[in-house]
Amino acid sequence: MHITDIEVIELQVPDNRALDLDPTNNNCLIRIHTSAGICGIAEVDSLPSVIRAVIDARPRISTLMGLKSILLGEDPTDIAGLWEKCTTTPAITAGAV
C-alpha cells in the first residue's frame, strides 16, 4: 500500500464578516488516498490557502517542493518514516511548515 494522492479541502463559513477573527470560520481538511482504496482525513488549524500551498507546491528543484511531492508513493503506515521525511527534507526544514 502506498500514498496515491493528497487532497486539501478548504472549509469556509459562507457570508462571514471581512475581519472575522473566529478561527472556526476558515479551516481545512487533508485527505490522503492510498493504493488500497483507504482514505485518511485530518483537520488542520491554519489558513487554508497557506496549507494548500504547502501541500500542493510543485517541485522546482530537488530541495523546493510541497509535501505532496515528498509523500506520494510512500507507505502511509510508516508514521515515523513519514515524519522523518517531512522534517528533514530541505524544502520543509527551511521554514515552509
PDB file of N, CA and C in Angstrom:
ATOM      1  N   MET A   1       0.863  -1.183   0.000  1.00  0.00           N
ATOM      2  CA  MET A   1       0.000   0.000   0.000  1.00  0.00           C
ATOM      3  C   MET A   1       0.902   1.236   0.000  1.00  0.00           C
ATOM      4  N   HIS A   2       0.511   2.231  -0.792  1.00  0.00           N
ATOM      5  CA  HIS A   2       1.273   3.475  -0.848  1.00  0.00           C
ATOM      6  C   HIS A   2       0.324   4.670  -1.038  1.00  0.00           C
ATOM      7  N   ILE A   3       0.827   5.853  -0.761  1.00  0.00           N
ATOM      8  CA  ILE A   3       0.051   7.089  -0.904  1.00  0.00           C
ATOM      9  C   ILE A   3      -0.048   7.421  -2.390  1.00  0.00           C
ATOM     10  N   THR A   4      -1.290   7.625  -2.851  1.00  0.00           N
ATOM     11  CA  THR A   4      -1.508   7.942  -4.273  1.00  0.00           C
ATOM     12  C   THR A   4      -1.936   9.390  -4.514  1.00  0.00           C
ATOM     13  N   ASP A   5      -2.463  10.033  -3.489  1.00  0.00           N
ATOM     14  CA  ASP A   5      -2.881  11.429  -3.650  1.00  0.00           C
ATOM     15  C   ASP A   5      -3.057  12.065  -2.283  1.00  0.00           C
ATOM     16  N   ILE A   6      -2.863  13.355  -2.233  1.00  0.00           N
ATOM     17  CA  ILE A   6      -3.119  14.153  -1.030  1.00  0.00           C
ATOM     18  C   ILE A   6      -3.971  15.333  -1.467  1.00  0.00           C
ATOM     19  N   GLU A   7      -5.124  15.457  -0.849  1.00  0.00           N
ATOM     20  CA  GLU A   7      -6.123  16.444  -1.260  1.00  0.00           C
ATOM     21  C   GLU A   7      -6.358  17.441  -0.124  1.00  0.00           C
ATOM     22  N   VAL A   8      -6.388  18.703  -0.460  1.00  0.00           N
ATOM     23  CA  VAL A   8      -6.702  19.761   0.503  1.00  0.00           C
ATOM     24  C   VAL A   8      -8.150  20.186   0.273  1.00  0.00           C
ATOM     25  N   ILE A   9      -8.946  20.145   1.334  1.00  0.00           N
ATOM     26  CA  ILE A   9     -10.352  20.535   1.254  1.00  0.00           C
ATOM     27  C   ILE A   9     -10.538  21.773   2.116  1.00  0.00           C
ATOM     28  N   GLU A  10     -10.734  22.919   1.477  1.00  0.00           N
ATOM     29  CA  GLU A  10     -10.905  24.172   2.212  1.00  0.00           C
ATOM     30  C   GLU A  10     -12.342  24.308   2.690  1.00  0.00           C
ATOM     31  N   LEU A  11     -12.510  24.664   3.948  1.00  0.00           N
ATOM     32  CA  LEU A  11     -13.824  24.861   4.543  1.00  0.00           C
ATOM     33  C   LEU A  11     -13.972  26.324   4.927  1.00  0.00           C
ATOM     34  N   GLN A  12     -15.082  26.929   4.541  1.00  0.00           N
ATOM     35  CA  GLN A  12     -15.353  28.320   4.901  1.00  0.00           C
ATOM     36  C   GLN A  12     -16.819  28.489   5.237  1.00  0.00           C
ATOM     37  N   VAL A  13     -17.079  29.297   6.240  1.00  0.00           N
ATOM     38  CA  VAL A  13     -18.449  29.643   6.578  1.00  0.00           C
ATOM     39  C   VAL A  13     -18.911  30.689   5.568  1.00  0.00           C
ATOM     40  N   PRO A  14     -20.027  30.467   4.885  1.00  0.00           N
ATOM     41  CA  PRO A  14     -20.478  31.460   3.896  1.00  0.00           C
ATOM     42  C   PRO A  14     -20.904  32.764   4.566  1.00  0.00           C
ATOM     43  N   ASP A  15     -20.687  33.841   3.858  1.00  0.00           N
ATOM     44  CA  ASP A  15     -21.110  35.167   4.296  1.00  0.00           C
ATOM     45  C   ASP A  15     -20.507  35.592   5.629  1.00  0.00           C
ATOM     46  N   ASN A  16     -19.261  35.205   5.884  1.00  0.00           N
ATOM     47  CA  ASN A  16     -18.631  35.664   7.126  1.00  0.00           C
ATOM     48  C   ASN A  16     -18.173  37.113   6.971  1.00  0.00           C
ATOM     49  N   ARG A  17     -17.973  37.764   8.074  1.00  0.00           N
ATOM     50  CA  ARG A  17     -17.538  39.169   8.052  1.00  0.00           C
ATOM     51  C   ARG A  17     -16.105  39.280   7.561  1.00  0.00           C
ATOM     52  N   ALA A  18     -15.791  40.384   6.942  1.00  0.00           N
ATOM     53  CA  ALA A  18     -14.472  40.570   6.336  1.00  0.00           C
ATOM     54  C   ALA A  18     -13.338  40.441   7.349  1.00  0.00           C
ATOM     55  N   LEU A  19     -13.511  40.945   8.549  1.00  0.00           N
ATOM     56  CA  LEU A  19     -12.440  40.904   9.551  1.00  0.00           C
ATOM     57  C   LEU A  19     -12.800  39.973  10.708  1.00  0.00           C
ATOM     58  N   ASP A  20     -13.559  38.952  10.438  1.00  0.00           N
ATOM     59  CA  ASP A  20     -13.955  38.000  11.472  1.00  0.00           C
ATOM     60  C   ASP A  20     -12.733  37.201  11.919  1.00  0.00           C
ATOM     61  N   LEU A  21     -12.373  37.309  13.177  1.00  0.00           N
ATOM     62  CA  LEU A  21     -11.186  36.635  13.698  1.00  0.00           C
ATOM     63  C   LEU A  21     -11.492  35.267  14.300  1.00  0.00           C
ATOM     64  N   ASP A  22     -12.710  34.811  14.196  1.00  0.00           N
ATOM     65  CA  ASP A  22     -13.075  33.495  14.705  1.00  0.00           C
ATOM     66  C   ASP A  22     -12.421  32.435  13.809  1.00  0.00           C
ATOM     67  N   PRO A  23     -11.472  31.643  14.349  1.00  0.00           N
ATOM     68  CA  PRO A  23     -10.753  30.682  13.508  1.00  0.00           C
ATOM     69  C   PRO A  23     -11.621  29.553  12.980  1.00  0.00           C
ATOM     70  N   THR A  24     -12.804  29.356  13.536  1.00  0.00           N
ATOM     71  CA  THR A  24     -13.659  28.284  13.039  1.00  0.00           C
ATOM     72  C   THR A  24     -14.327  28.645  11.719  1.00  0.00           C
ATOM     73  N   ASN A  25     -14.226  29.890  11.295  1.00  0.00           N
ATOM     74  CA  ASN A  25     -14.802  30.304  10.012  1.00  0.00           C
ATOM     75  C   ASN A  25     -13.957  29.875   8.824  1.00  0.00           C
ATOM     76  N   ASN A  26     -12.685  29.579   9.045  1.00  0.00           N
ATOM     77  CA  ASN A  26     -11.779  29.129   7.983  1.00  0.00           C
ATOM     78  C   ASN A  26     -10.988  27.947   8.517  1.00  0.00           C
ATOM     79  N   ASN A  27     -11.094  26.842   7.847  1.00  0.00           N
ATOM     80  CA  ASN A  27     -10.408  25.648   8.281  1.00  0.00           C
ATOM     81  C   ASN A  27     -10.181  24.779   7.056  1.00  0.00           C
ATOM     82  N   CYS A  28      -9.449  23.709   7.207  1.00  0.00           N
ATOM     83  CA  CYS A  28      -9.312  22.785   6.090  1.00  0.00           C
ATOM     84  C   CYS A  28      -9.070  21.370   6.582  1.00  0.00           C
ATOM     85  N   LEU A  29      -9.360  20.455   5.685  1.00  0.00           N
ATOM     86  CA  LEU A  29      -9.124  19.040   5.916  1.00  0.00           C
ATOM     87  C   LEU A  29      -8.102  18.566   4.897  1.00  0.00           C
ATOM     88  N   ILE A  30      -7.328  17.583   5.296  1.00  0.00           N
ATOM     89  CA  ILE A  30      -6.403  16.918   4.388  1.00  0.00           C
ATOM     90  C   ILE A  30      -6.903  15.492   4.242  1.00  0.00           C
ATOM     91  N   ARG A  31      -7.086  15.046   2.998  1.00  0.00           N
ATOM     92  CA  ARG A  31      -7.499  13.665   2.757  1.00  0.00           C
ATOM     93  C   ARG A  31      -6.371  12.976   2.005  1.00  0.00           C
ATOM     94  N   ILE A  32      -5.873  11.881   2.591  1.00  0.00           N
ATOM     95  CA  ILE A  32      -4.799  11.106   1.985  1.00  0.00           C
ATOM     96  C   ILE A  32      -5.396   9.832   1.392  1.00  0.00           C
ATOM     97  N   HIS A  33      -5.163   9.613   0.104  1.00  0.00           N
ATOM     98  CA  HIS A  33      -5.672   8.451  -0.617  1.00  0.00           C
ATOM     99  C   HIS A  33      -4.548   7.421  -0.754  1.00  0.00           C
ATOM    100  N   THR A  34      -4.917   6.138  -0.691  1.00  0.00           N
ATOM    101  CA  THR A  34      -3.922   5.078  -0.823  1.00  0.00           C
ATOM    102  C   THR A  34      -4.266   4.139  -1.977  1.00  0.00           C
ATOM    103  N   SER A  35      -3.296   3.362  -2.361  1.00  0.00           N
ATOM    104  CA  SER A  35      -3.477   2.378  -3.434  1.00  0.00           C
ATOM    105  C   SER A  35      -4.447   1.272  -3.037  1.00  0.00           C
ATOM    106  N   ALA A  36      -4.705   1.103  -1.753  1.00  0.00           N
ATOM    107  CA  ALA A  36      -5.644   0.086  -1.274  1.00  0.00           C
ATOM    108  C   ALA A  36      -7.070   0.616  -1.203  1.00  0.00           C
ATOM    109  N   GLY A  37      -7.283   1.868  -1.612  1.00  0.00           N
ATOM    110  CA  GLY A  37      -8.616   2.458  -1.562  1.00  0.00           C
ATOM    111  C   GLY A  37      -8.992   2.999  -0.198  1.00  0.00           C
ATOM    112  N   ILE A  38      -8.046   3.018   0.712  1.00  0.00           N
ATOM    113  CA  ILE A  38      -8.277   3.550   2.059  1.00  0.00           C
ATOM    114  C   ILE A  38      -7.925   5.030   2.055  1.00  0.00           C
ATOM    115  N   CYS A  39      -8.777   5.850   2.695  1.00  0.00           N
ATOM    116  CA  CYS A  39      -8.510   7.284   2.810  1.00  0.00           C
ATOM    117  C   CYS A  39      -8.385   7.646   4.276  1.00  0.00           C
ATOM    118  N   GLY A  40      -7.462   8.536   4.565  1.00  0.00           N
ATOM    119  CA  GLY A  40      -7.329   9.091   5.909  1.00  0.00           C
ATOM    120  C   GLY A  40      -7.641  10.571   5.849  1.00  0.00           C
ATOM    121  N   ILE A  41      -8.246  11.084   6.909  1.00  0.00           N
ATOM    122  CA  ILE A  41      -8.623  12.503   6.944  1.00  0.00           C
ATOM    123  C   ILE A  41      -8.058  13.140   8.204  1.00  0.00           C
ATOM    124  N   ALA A  42      -7.535  14.349   8.056  1.00  0.00           N
ATOM    125  CA  ALA A  42      -7.012  15.106   9.195  1.00  0.00           C
ATOM    126  C   ALA A  42      -7.479  16.547   9.101  1.00  0.00           C
ATOM    127  N   GLU A  43      -7.660  17.174  10.239  1.00  0.00           N
ATOM    128  CA  GLU A  43      -8.008  18.594  10.311  1.00  0.00           C
ATOM    129  C   GLU A  43      -6.728  19.389  10.503  1.00  0.00           C
ATOM    130  N   VAL A  44      -6.662  20.543   9.854  1.00  0.00           N
ATOM    131  CA  VAL A  44      -5.514  21.428  10.002  1.00  0.00           C
ATOM    132  C   VAL A  44      -6.021  22.786  10.462  1.00  0.00           C
ATOM    133  N   ASP A  45      -5.495  23.281  11.558  1.00  0.00           N
ATOM    134  CA  ASP A  45      -5.886  24.587  12.086  1.00  0.00           C
ATOM    135  C   ASP A  45      -4.899  25.647  11.625  1.00  0.00           C
ATOM    136  N   SER A  46      -5.130  26.147  10.434  1.00  0.00           N
ATOM    137  CA  SER A  46      -4.299  27.210   9.875  1.00  0.00           C
ATOM    138  C   SER A  46      -5.052  27.806   8.698  1.00  0.00           C
ATOM    139  N   LEU A  47      -4.499  28.806   8.096  1.00  0.00           N
ATOM    140  CA  LEU A  47      -5.115  29.453   6.942  1.00  0.00           C
ATOM    141  C   LEU A  47      -5.152  28.474   5.769  1.00  0.00           C
ATOM    142  N   PRO A  48      -6.339  28.109   5.288  1.00  0.00           N
ATOM    143  CA  PRO A  48      -6.450  27.081   4.251  1.00  0.00           C
ATOM    144  C   PRO A  48      -5.618  27.340   2.996  1.00  0.00           C
ATOM    145  N   SER A  49      -5.532  28.576   2.551  1.00  0.00           N
ATOM    146  CA  SER A  49      -4.759  28.848   1.330  1.00  0.00           C
ATOM    147  C   SER A  49      -3.267  28.586   1.536  1.00  0.00           C
ATOM    148  N   VAL A  50      -2.784  28.807   2.741  1.00  0.00           N
ATOM    149  CA  VAL A  50      -1.371  28.530   3.042  1.00  0.00           C
ATOM    150  C   VAL A  50      -1.139  27.028   3.093  1.00  0.00           C
ATOM    151  N   ILE A  51      -2.048  26.300   3.725  1.00  0.00           N
ATOM    152  CA  ILE A  51      -1.932  24.842   3.778  1.00  0.00           C
ATOM    153  C   ILE A  51      -1.945  24.263   2.373  1.00  0.00           C
ATOM    154  N   ARG A  52      -2.840  24.753   1.523  1.00  0.00           N
ATOM    155  CA  ARG A  52      -2.884  24.283   0.129  1.00  0.00           C
ATOM    156  C   ARG A  52      -1.535  24.527  -0.561  1.00  0.00           C
ATOM    157  N   ALA A  53      -0.941  25.672  -0.336  1.00  0.00           N
ATOM    158  CA  ALA A  53       0.351  25.975  -0.959  1.00  0.00           C
ATOM    159  C   ALA A  53       1.448  25.038  -0.446  1.00  0.00           C
ATOM    160  N   VAL A  54       1.457  24.766   0.847  1.00  0.00           N
ATOM    161  CA  VAL A  54       2.472  23.878   1.424  1.00  0.00           C
ATOM    162  C   VAL A  54       2.308  22.445   0.892  1.00  0.00           C
ATOM    163  N   ILE A  55       1.081  21.996   0.730  1.00  0.00           N
ATOM    164  CA  ILE A  55       0.831  20.639   0.233  1.00  0.00           C
ATOM    165  C   ILE A  55       1.075  20.551  -1.271  1.00  0.00           C
ATOM    166  N   ASP A  56       0.515  21.474  -2.041  1.00  0.00           N
ATOM    167  CA  ASP A  56       0.469  21.349  -3.500  1.00  0.00           C
ATOM    168  C   ASP A  56       1.629  21.965  -4.265  1.00  0.00           C
ATOM    169  N   ALA A  57       2.551  22.644  -3.602  1.00  0.00           N
ATOM    170  CA  ALA A  57       3.643  23.298  -4.329  1.00  0.00           C
ATOM    171  C   ALA A  57       4.370  22.300  -5.231  1.00  0.00           C
ATOM    172  N   ARG A  58       4.455  22.639  -6.510  1.00  0.00           N
ATOM    173  CA  ARG A  58       5.113  21.759  -7.478  1.00  0.00           C
ATOM    174  C   ARG A  58       6.624  21.816  -7.292  1.00  0.00           C
ATOM    175  N   PRO A  59       7.296  20.707  -7.557  1.00  0.00           N
ATOM    176  CA  PRO A  59       8.764  20.700  -7.409  1.00  0.00           C
ATOM    177  C   PRO A  59       9.420  21.689  -8.368  1.00  0.00           C
ATOM    178  N   ARG A  60      10.354  22.441  -7.862  1.00  0.00           N
ATOM    179  CA  ARG A  60      11.146  23.356  -8.695  1.00  0.00           C
ATOM    180  C   ARG A  60      12.529  22.743  -8.921  1.00  0.00           C
ATOM    181  N   ILE A  61      13.170  22.365  -7.843  1.00  0.00           N
ATOM    182  CA  ILE A  61      14.426  21.613  -7.866  1.00  0.00           C
ATOM    183  C   ILE A  61      14.313  20.587  -6.740  1.00  0.00           C
ATOM    184  N   SER A  62      15.323  19.786  -6.535  1.00  0.00           N
ATOM    185  CA  SER A  62      15.223  18.691  -5.566  1.00  0.00           C
ATOM    186  C   SER A  62      15.014  19.161  -4.135  1.00  0.00           C
ATOM    187  N   THR A  63      15.227  20.417  -3.863  1.00  0.00           N
ATOM    188  CA  THR A  63      15.049  20.917  -2.499  1.00  0.00           C
ATOM    189  C   THR A  63      13.878  21.876  -2.353  1.00  0.00           C
ATOM    190  N   LEU A  64      13.118  22.101  -3.420  1.00  0.00           N
ATOM    191  CA  LEU A  64      11.965  23.000  -3.355  1.00  0.00           C
ATOM    192  C   LEU A  64      10.725  22.282  -3.851  1.00  0.00           C
ATOM    193  N   MET A  65       9.885  21.818  -2.913  1.00  0.00           N
ATOM    194  CA  MET A  65       8.688  21.075  -3.294  1.00  0.00           C
ATOM    195  C   MET A  65       7.703  21.045  -2.141  1.00  0.00           C
ATOM    196  N   GLY A  66       6.445  20.791  -2.454  1.00  0.00           N
ATOM    197  CA  GLY A  66       5.425  20.669  -1.436  1.00  0.00           C
ATOM    198  C   GLY A  66       5.383  19.271  -0.836  1.00  0.00           C
ATOM    199  N   LEU A  67       4.608  19.134   0.223  1.00  0.00           N
ATOM    200  CA  LEU A  67       4.505  17.846   0.909  1.00  0.00           C
ATOM    201  C   LEU A  67       3.957  16.742   0.014  1.00  0.00           C
ATOM    202  N   LYS A  68       3.068  17.089  -0.894  1.00  0.00           N
ATOM    203  CA  LYS A  68       2.511  16.080  -1.802  1.00  0.00           C
ATOM    204  C   LYS A  68       3.624  15.405  -2.598  1.00  0.00           C
ATOM    205  N   SER A  69       4.534  16.179  -3.133  1.00  0.00           N
ATOM    206  CA  SER A  69       5.646  15.629  -3.909  1.00  0.00           C
ATOM    207  C   SER A  69       6.557  14.764  -3.048  1.00  0.00           C
ATOM    208  N   ILE A  70       6.691  15.121  -1.803  1.00  0.00           N
ATOM    209  CA  ILE A  70       7.565  14.380  -0.889  1.00  0.00           C
ATOM    210  C   ILE A  70       6.935  13.046  -0.488  1.00  0.00           C
ATOM    211  N   LEU A  71       5.616  13.031  -0.306  1.00  0.00           N
ATOM    212  CA  LEU A  71       4.955  11.864   0.284  1.00  0.00           C
ATOM    213  C   LEU A  71       4.311  10.895  -0.707  1.00  0.00           C
ATOM    214  N   LEU A  72       4.063  11.297  -1.942  1.00  0.00           N
ATOM    215  CA  LEU A  72       3.467  10.382  -2.921  1.00  0.00           C
ATOM    216  C   LEU A  72       4.350   9.144  -3.089  1.00  0.00           C
ATOM    217  N   GLY A  73       3.706   7.979  -3.071  1.00  0.00           N
ATOM    218  CA  GLY A  73       4.437   6.729  -3.232  1.00  0.00           C
ATOM    219  C   GLY A  73       4.937   6.126  -1.936  1.00  0.00           C
ATOM    220  N   GLU A  74       4.843   6.862  -0.848  1.00  0.00           N
ATOM    221  CA  GLU A  74       5.324   6.369   0.449  1.00  0.00           C
ATOM    222  C   GLU A  74       4.286   5.469   1.119  1.00  0.00           C
ATOM    223  N   ASP A  75       4.739   4.669   2.075  1.00  0.00           N
ATOM    224  CA  ASP A  75       3.884   3.778   2.855  1.00  0.00           C
ATOM    225  C   ASP A  75       3.165   4.597   3.931  1.00  0.00           C
ATOM    226  N   PRO A  76       1.831   4.709   3.881  1.00  0.00           N
ATOM    227  CA  PRO A  76       1.120   5.534   4.859  1.00  0.00           C
ATOM    228  C   PRO A  76       1.119   4.954   6.277  1.00  0.00           C
ATOM    229  N   THR A  77       1.500   3.695   6.414  1.00  0.00           N
ATOM    230  CA  THR A  77       1.544   3.094   7.756  1.00  0.00           C
ATOM    231  C   THR A  77       2.874   3.348   8.459  1.00  0.00           C
ATOM    232  N   ASP A  78       3.850   3.865   7.736  1.00  0.00           N
ATOM    233  CA  ASP A  78       5.169   4.151   8.321  1.00  0.00           C
ATOM    234  C   ASP A  78       5.187   5.574   8.869  1.00  0.00           C
ATOM    235  N   ILE A  79       4.486   5.775   9.979  1.00  0.00           N
ATOM    236  CA  ILE A  79       4.328   7.114  10.546  1.00  0.00           C
ATOM    237  C   ILE A  79       5.688   7.756  10.867  1.00  0.00           C
ATOM    238  N   ALA A  80       6.559   7.002  11.515  1.00  0.00           N
ATOM    239  CA  ALA A  80       7.873   7.546  11.879  1.00  0.00           C
ATOM    240  C   ALA A  80       8.671   7.923  10.633  1.00  0.00           C
ATOM    241  N   GLY A  81       8.612   7.076   9.601  1.00  0.00           N
ATOM    242  CA  GLY A  81       9.335   7.371   8.367  1.00  0.00           C
ATOM    243  C   GLY A  81       8.791   8.591   7.646  1.00  0.00           C
ATOM    244  N   LEU A  82       7.457   8.730   7.629  1.00  0.00           N
ATOM    245  CA  LEU A  82       6.841   9.903   7.005  1.00  0.00           C
ATOM    246  C   LEU A  82       7.218  11.170   7.762  1.00  0.00           C
ATOM    247  N   TRP A  83       7.177  11.106   9.086  1.00  0.00           N
ATOM    248  CA  TRP A  83       7.545  12.270   9.910  1.00  0.00           C
ATOM    249  C   TRP A  83       9.002  12.643   9.647  1.00  0.00           C
ATOM    250  N   GLU A  84       9.865  11.652   9.606  1.00  0.00           N
ATOM    251  CA  GLU A  84      11.290  11.891   9.338  1.00  0.00           C
ATOM    252  C   GLU A  84      11.474  12.570   7.982  1.00  0.00           C
ATOM    253  N   LYS A  85      10.779  12.057   6.980  1.00  0.00           N
ATOM    254  CA  LYS A  85      10.893  12.623   5.636  1.00  0.00           C
ATOM    255  C   LYS A  85      10.392  14.069   5.599  1.00  0.00           C
ATOM    256  N   CYS A  86       9.285  14.329   6.292  1.00  0.00           N
ATOM    257  CA  CYS A  86       8.712  15.685   6.307  1.00  0.00           C
ATOM    258  C   CYS A  86       9.574  16.677   7.075  1.00  0.00           C
ATOM    259  N   THR A  87      10.254  16.215   8.093  1.00  0.00           N
ATOM    260  CA  THR A  87      11.027  17.146   8.925  1.00  0.00           C
ATOM    261  C   THR A  87      12.494  17.243   8.537  1.00  0.00           C
ATOM    262  N   THR A  88      12.957  16.412   7.608  1.00  0.00           N
ATOM    263  CA  THR A  88      14.357  16.503   7.199  1.00  0.00           C
ATOM    264  C   THR A  88      14.542  16.913   5.747  1.00  0.00           C
ATOM    265  N   THR A  89      13.461  16.949   4.967  1.00  0.00           N
ATOM    266  CA  THR A  89      13.557  17.396   3.580  1.00  0.00           C
ATOM    267  C   THR A  89      13.832  18.898   3.569  1.00  0.00           C
ATOM    268  N   PRO A  90      14.871  19.345   2.866  1.00  0.00           N
ATOM    269  CA  PRO A  90      15.233  20.770   2.913  1.00  0.00           C
ATOM    270  C   PRO A  90      14.095  21.731   2.602  1.00  0.00           C
ATOM    271  N   ALA A  91      13.180  21.375   1.712  1.00  0.00           N
ATOM    272  CA  ALA A  91      12.070  22.277   1.376  1.00  0.00           C
ATOM    273  C   ALA A  91      11.203  22.562   2.587  1.00  0.00           C
ATOM    274  N   ILE A  92      11.119  21.613   3.503  1.00  0.00           N
ATOM    275  CA  ILE A  92      10.270  21.764   4.678  1.00  0.00           C
ATOM    276  C   ILE A  92      11.052  22.372   5.831  1.00  0.00           C
ATOM    277  N   THR A  93      12.272  21.914   6.056  1.00  0.00           N
ATOM    278  CA  THR A  93      13.039  22.421   7.189  1.00  0.00           C
ATOM    279  C   THR A  93      13.463  23.872   7.007  1.00  0.00           C
ATOM    280  N   ALA A  94      13.357  24.369   5.773  1.00  0.00           N
ATOM    281  CA  ALA A  94      13.718  25.771   5.526  1.00  0.00           C
ATOM    282  C   ALA A  94      12.653  26.748   5.982  1.00  0.00           C
ATOM    283  N   GLY A  95      11.580  26.254   6.574  1.00  0.00           N
ATOM    284  CA  GLY A  95      10.588  27.151   7.133  1.00  0.00           C
ATOM    285  C   GLY A  95       9.222  27.115   6.474  1.00  0.00           C
ATOM    286  N   ALA A  96       9.007  26.184   5.540  1.00  0.00           N
ATOM    287  CA  ALA A  96       7.710  26.133   4.864  1.00  0.00           C
ATOM    288  C   ALA A  96       6.596  25.712   5.803  1.00  0.00           C
ATOM    289  N   VAL A  97       6.891  24.903   6.799  1.00  0.00           N
ATOM    290  CA  VAL A  97       5.843  24.433   7.712  1.00  0.00           C
ATOM    291  C   VAL A  97       6.158  24.919   9.103  1.00  0.00           C
TER     292      VAL A  97
END
